[in-house]
């Protein structure tokens, strides 16, 4: 499917497609809803910490990686399911790698939060 729109019309349509993607992920993926809740709670916590704004921004920004990973995983799973419901080792591999992507994003968040808060408390 090739886009025919250009300029501002293309940009506006891109926002519409992104909104549709958000609605689809939120409606159909419990993991995405859980990740949104996690990110909202952690953002509130970050904003309540009495630390410089750049450190708060760092804590919040790394949370977005979780959402990116979850959406990527969801896209991979959706494409695999679109191709076939039958079990295939390559389908399992793709889904498992997508799951690993989400896990690594959470490890990254834990690392950033731990080091940032440790440095903030000790300096």
C-alpha atoms as a PDB file:
ATOM      1  CA  UNK A   1       0.000   0.000   0.000  1.00  0.00           C
ATOM      2  CA  UNK A   2       1.765   3.130  -1.206  1.00  0.00           C
ATOM      3  CA  UNK A   3       0.919   6.520   0.274  1.00  0.00           C
ATOM      4  CA  UNK A   4      -0.348   9.064  -2.220  1.00  0.00           C
ATOM      5  CA  UNK A   5      -0.646  12.047   0.106  1.00  0.00           C
ATOM      6  CA  UNK A   6       2.148  14.555   0.556  1.00  0.00           C
ATOM      7  CA  UNK A   7       2.942  17.510   2.778  1.00  0.00           C
ATOM      8  CA  UNK A   8       0.735  18.427   5.694  1.00  0.00           C
ATOM      9  CA  UNK A   9      -2.010  16.034   4.591  1.00  0.00           C
ATOM     10  CA  UNK A  10       0.427  13.108   4.878  1.00  0.00           C
ATOM     11  CA  UNK A  11       1.496  14.253   8.352  1.00  0.00           C
ATOM     12  CA  UNK A  12      -2.107  14.581   9.525  1.00  0.00           C
ATOM     13  CA  UNK A  13      -2.947  11.125   8.191  1.00  0.00           C
ATOM     14  CA  UNK A  14       0.119   9.738   9.968  1.00  0.00           C
ATOM     15  CA  UNK A  15      -1.261  11.058  13.267  1.00  0.00           C
ATOM     16  CA  UNK A  16      -4.595   9.399  12.478  1.00  0.00           C
ATOM     17  CA  UNK A  17      -2.879   6.082  11.763  1.00  0.00           C
ATOM     18  CA  UNK A  18      -0.876   6.386  14.985  1.00  0.00           C
ATOM     19  CA  UNK A  19      -4.036   7.072  16.963  1.00  0.00           C
ATOM     20  CA  UNK A  20      -5.704   4.049  15.358  1.00  0.00           C
ATOM     21  CA  UNK A  21      -2.674   1.972  16.302  1.00  0.00           C
ATOM     22  CA  UNK A  22      -2.859   3.179  19.894  1.00  0.00           C
ATOM     23  CA  UNK A  23      -6.562   2.342  20.112  1.00  0.00           C
ATOM     24  CA  UNK A  24      -5.993  -1.121  18.637  1.00  0.00           C
ATOM     25  CA  UNK A  25      -3.114  -1.906  20.992  1.00  0.00           C
ATOM     26  CA  UNK A  26      -4.942  -0.558  24.037  1.00  0.00           C
ATOM     27  CA  UNK A  27      -8.152  -2.423  23.222  1.00  0.00           C
ATOM     28  CA  UNK A  28      -6.646  -5.791  22.329  1.00  0.00           C
ATOM     29  CA  UNK A  29      -3.460  -6.076  24.411  1.00  0.00           C
ATOM     30  CA  UNK A  30      -3.651  -6.499  28.182  1.00  0.00           C
ATOM     31  CA  UNK A  31       0.142  -6.281  28.397  1.00  0.00           C
ATOM     32  CA  UNK A  32       0.093  -2.864  26.721  1.00  0.00           C
ATOM     33  CA  UNK A  33      -2.570  -1.624  29.155  1.00  0.00           C
ATOM     34  CA  UNK A  34      -0.476  -2.920  32.069  1.00  0.00           C
ATOM     35  CA  UNK A  35       2.615  -1.204  30.673  1.00  0.00           C
ATOM     36  CA  UNK A  36       0.692   2.075  30.322  1.00  0.00           C
ATOM     37  CA  UNK A  37      -0.375   1.818  33.980  1.00  0.00           C
ATOM     38  CA  UNK A  38       3.188   1.015  35.021  1.00  0.00           C
ATOM     39  CA  UNK A  39       4.524   4.007  33.086  1.00  0.00           C
ATOM     40  CA  UNK A  40       1.894   6.381  34.492  1.00  0.00           C
ATOM     41  CA  UNK A  41       2.606   5.307  38.084  1.00  0.00           C
ATOM     42  CA  UNK A  42       6.371   5.513  37.608  1.00  0.00           C
ATOM     43  CA  UNK A  43       6.054   8.925  35.922  1.00  0.00           C
ATOM     44  CA  UNK A  44       4.106  10.228  38.909  1.00  0.00           C
ATOM     45  CA  UNK A  45       6.780   8.847  41.230  1.00  0.00           C
ATOM     46  CA  UNK A  46       9.536  10.448  39.148  1.00  0.00           C
ATOM     47  CA  UNK A  47       7.793  13.817  39.242  1.00  0.00           C
ATOM     48  CA  UNK A  48       7.382  13.583  43.028  1.00  0.00           C
ATOM     49  CA  UNK A  49      11.097  13.044  43.597  1.00  0.00           C
ATOM     50  CA  UNK A  50      12.952  16.189  44.628  1.00  0.00           C
ATOM     51  CA  UNK A  51      15.659  15.932  41.987  1.00  0.00           C
ATOM     52  CA  UNK A  52      16.753  18.064  39.046  1.00  0.00           C
ATOM     53  CA  UNK A  53      14.412  18.131  36.075  1.00  0.00           C
ATOM     54  CA  UNK A  54      16.972  16.470  33.800  1.00  0.00           C
ATOM     55  CA  UNK A  55      17.091  13.458  36.129  1.00  0.00           C
ATOM     56  CA  UNK A  56      13.296  13.265  36.224  1.00  0.00           C
ATOM     57  CA  UNK A  57      13.244  13.480  32.436  1.00  0.00           C
ATOM     58  CA  UNK A  58      15.767  10.641  32.243  1.00  0.00           C
ATOM     59  CA  UNK A  59      13.616   8.449  34.507  1.00  0.00           C
ATOM     60  CA  UNK A  60      10.499   9.185  32.457  1.00  0.00           C
ATOM     61  CA  UNK A  61      12.194   8.855  29.064  1.00  0.00           C
ATOM     62  CA  UNK A  62      13.439   5.357  29.770  1.00  0.00           C
ATOM     63  CA  UNK A  63       9.851   4.302  30.512  1.00  0.00           C
ATOM     64  CA  UNK A  64       8.975   5.052  26.900  1.00  0.00           C
ATOM     65  CA  UNK A  65      11.366   2.270  25.866  1.00  0.00           C
ATOM     66  CA  UNK A  66       9.011  -0.213  27.562  1.00  0.00           C
ATOM     67  CA  UNK A  67       6.082   1.035  25.480  1.00  0.00           C
ATOM     68  CA  UNK A  68       8.151   0.920  22.295  1.00  0.00           C
ATOM     69  CA  UNK A  69       9.228  -2.635  23.049  1.00  0.00           C
ATOM     70  CA  UNK A  70       5.688  -3.754  23.857  1.00  0.00           C
ATOM     71  CA  UNK A  71       4.305  -2.212  20.675  1.00  0.00           C
ATOM     72  CA  UNK A  72       7.066  -3.831  18.614  1.00  0.00           C
ATOM     73  CA  UNK A  73       6.321  -7.176  20.231  1.00  0.00           C
ATOM     74  CA  UNK A  74       2.609  -6.731  19.539  1.00  0.00           C
ATOM     75  CA  UNK A  75       3.299  -5.862  15.894  1.00  0.00           C
ATOM     76  CA  UNK A  76       5.480  -8.969  15.493  1.00  0.00           C
ATOM     77  CA  UNK A  77       2.837 -11.197  17.073  1.00  0.00           C
ATOM     78  CA  UNK A  78       0.086  -9.659  14.938  1.00  0.00           C
ATOM     79  CA  UNK A  79       1.987 -10.279  11.712  1.00  0.00           C
ATOM     80  CA  UNK A  80       2.826 -13.855  12.726  1.00  0.00           C
ATOM     81  CA  UNK A  81      -0.818 -14.543  13.613  1.00  0.00           C
ATOM     82  CA  UNK A  82      -1.928 -12.970  10.307  1.00  0.00           C
ATOM     83  CA  UNK A  83       0.322 -15.334   8.372  1.00  0.00           C
ATOM     84  CA  UNK A  84      -0.868 -18.510  10.080  1.00  0.00           C
ATOM     85  CA  UNK A  85      -2.337 -19.930  13.270  1.00  0.00           C
ATOM     86  CA  UNK A  86      -0.338 -23.110  12.757  1.00  0.00           C
ATOM     87  CA  UNK A  87       2.683 -23.744  14.945  1.00  0.00           C
ATOM     88  CA  UNK A  88       5.980 -23.078  13.245  1.00  0.00           C
ATOM     89  CA  UNK A  89       9.417 -22.948  14.839  1.00  0.00           C
ATOM     90  CA  UNK A  90      10.263 -19.644  13.117  1.00  0.00           C
ATOM     91  CA  UNK A  91       7.003 -18.099  14.358  1.00  0.00           C
ATOM     92  CA  UNK A  92       7.865 -19.198  17.887  1.00  0.00           C
ATOM     93  CA  UNK A  93      11.363 -17.780  17.491  1.00  0.00           C
ATOM     94  CA  UNK A  94      10.031 -14.394  16.322  1.00  0.00           C
ATOM     95  CA  UNK A  95       7.526 -14.203  19.173  1.00  0.00           C
ATOM     96  CA  UNK A  96      10.115 -15.263  21.747  1.00  0.00           C
ATOM     97  CA  UNK A  97      12.547 -12.616  20.524  1.00  0.00           C
ATOM     98  CA  UNK A  98       9.785 -10.009  20.754  1.00  0.00           C
ATOM     99  CA  UNK A  99       9.146 -11.112  24.323  1.00  0.00           C
ATOM    100  CA  UNK A 100      12.846 -10.824  25.086  1.00  0.00           C
ATOM    101  CA  UNK A 101      12.771  -7.283  23.718  1.00  0.00           C
ATOM    102  CA  UNK A 102      10.153  -6.364  26.327  1.00  0.00           C
ATOM    103  CA  UNK A 103      12.126  -8.043  29.115  1.00  0.00           C
ATOM    104  CA  UNK A 104      15.313  -6.197  28.153  1.00  0.00           C
ATOM    105  CA  UNK A 105      13.403  -2.905  28.181  1.00  0.00           C
ATOM    106  CA  UNK A 106      12.322  -3.566  31.772  1.00  0.00           C
ATOM    107  CA  UNK A 107      15.899  -4.459  32.753  1.00  0.00           C
ATOM    108  CA  UNK A 108      16.997  -1.162  31.167  1.00  0.00           C
ATOM    109  CA  UNK A 109      14.385   0.747  33.197  1.00  0.00           C
ATOM    110  CA  UNK A 110      15.507  -0.979  36.390  1.00  0.00           C
ATOM    111  CA  UNK A 111      19.135  -0.111  35.645  1.00  0.00           C
ATOM    112  CA  UNK A 112      18.422   3.554  34.873  1.00  0.00           C
ATOM    113  CA  UNK A 113      16.126   4.015  37.859  1.00  0.00           C
ATOM    114  CA  UNK A 114      18.483   2.251  40.269  1.00  0.00           C
ATOM    115  CA  UNK A 115      21.589   4.150  39.209  1.00  0.00           C
ATOM    116  CA  UNK A 116      19.817   7.511  38.987  1.00  0.00           C
ATOM    117  CA  UNK A 117      18.226   7.226  42.414  1.00  0.00           C
ATOM    118  CA  UNK A 118      21.421   5.836  43.962  1.00  0.00           C
ATOM    119  CA  UNK A 119      23.464   8.756  42.594  1.00  0.00           C
ATOM    120  CA  UNK A 120      20.795  11.253  43.635  1.00  0.00           C
ATOM    121  CA  UNK A 121      20.735   9.887  47.198  1.00  0.00           C
ATOM    122  CA  UNK A 122      24.507   9.672  47.616  1.00  0.00           C
ATOM    123  CA  UNK A 123      25.504  13.091  46.222  1.00  0.00           C
END
